[in-house]
Amino acid sequence: MKKVFDVLVERGEDGWLVAPVPGLHGCHTQARTLERRMERVREAVELCTRVSSTTPTPMVISTQPVEVAI
C-alpha cells in the first residue's frame, strides 16, 4: 500500500535543510541538499510509519495563520 505525506522544507540557521512531516508526529530529518533530503525523508517516513502502526499519533487537521504584534 502506498500513501502520500506532505513534507515541509525549512532552512535551519546552520544552512541545513530541515524536513518535518506534519502528518506523522515527531517525524523529521535534515540534509545539506534537496536530493539527499528526499532520500532521508523516505527513510524517516518508512521508520515512523512502522512505529506509528502500534502507537496512535495526532493528525494535523489544518494550518491557520495567526497575527501577532512584534
Protein backbone atom coordinates (compact mmCIF):
# COMPACT_ATOMS: atom_id res chain seq x y z
CA MET A 1 0.00 0.00 0.00
CA LYS A 2 1.26 3.50 -0.82
CA LYS A 3 0.39 6.73 0.95
CA VAL A 4 1.40 10.32 0.22
CA PHE A 5 2.64 12.58 3.02
CA ASP A 6 3.24 16.32 2.87
CA VAL A 7 6.78 17.32 3.77
CA LEU A 8 7.84 20.84 4.73
CA VAL A 9 11.15 22.28 3.60
CA GLU A 10 12.82 24.66 6.03
CA ARG A 11 16.34 26.05 6.10
CA GLY A 12 17.92 25.83 9.51
CA GLU A 13 20.17 28.52 10.95
CA ASP A 14 23.18 26.34 10.13
CA GLY A 15 22.17 26.09 6.44
CA TRP A 16 20.89 22.51 6.60
CA LEU A 17 17.51 21.72 5.04
CA VAL A 18 15.11 20.53 7.72
CA ALA A 19 12.19 18.35 6.65
CA PRO A 20 9.38 17.80 9.16
CA VAL A 21 6.43 15.57 8.16
CA PRO A 22 3.36 17.16 9.80
CA GLY A 23 1.16 14.09 9.26
CA LEU A 24 3.50 11.91 11.34
CA HIS A 25 4.04 13.28 14.83
CA GLY A 26 7.77 13.58 15.59
CA CYS A 27 8.86 12.51 12.10
CA HIS A 28 11.57 14.70 10.58
CA THR A 29 15.03 14.64 9.07
CA GLN A 30 17.65 17.00 7.65
CA ALA A 31 20.24 17.15 4.87
CA ARG A 32 22.52 19.54 3.02
CA THR A 33 20.87 19.14 -0.44
CA LEU A 34 17.29 18.77 -1.69
CA GLU A 35 18.15 15.46 -3.35
CA ARG A 36 19.64 13.96 -0.20
CA ARG A 37 16.76 15.37 1.85
CA MET A 38 14.23 13.39 -0.22
CA GLU A 39 16.20 10.17 0.30
CA ARG A 40 16.27 10.80 4.05
CA VAL A 41 12.58 11.78 4.17
CA ARG A 42 11.57 8.49 2.55
CA GLU A 43 13.66 6.58 5.05
CA ALA A 44 12.29 8.58 8.00
CA VAL A 45 8.67 8.12 6.89
CA GLU A 46 9.17 4.37 6.48
CA LEU A 47 10.59 4.14 10.00
CA CYS A 48 7.96 6.43 11.54
CA THR A 49 5.07 4.54 9.96
CA ARG A 50 6.42 1.26 11.35
CA VAL A 51 6.48 2.75 14.83
CA SER A 52 3.17 4.59 14.43
CA SER A 53 1.34 1.41 13.45
CA THR A 54 1.49 0.47 17.13
CA THR A 55 1.26 3.97 18.61
CA PRO A 56 -1.63 6.39 17.95
CA THR A 57 -0.44 9.69 16.51
CA PRO A 58 -2.23 13.05 16.36
CA MET A 59 -3.38 14.03 12.88
CA VAL A 60 -2.98 17.57 11.57
CA ILE A 61 -6.44 18.93 10.80
CA SER A 62 -5.36 22.18 9.19
CA THR A 63 -2.96 25.09 9.38
CA GLN A 64 -4.11 28.57 10.25
CA PRO A 65 -2.39 31.94 10.24
CA VAL A 66 -2.09 33.89 13.47
CA GLU A 67 -1.42 37.62 13.67
CA VAL A 68 0.94 38.80 16.41
CA ALA A 69 2.21 42.29 17.11
CA ILE A 70 6.01 42.27 17.38
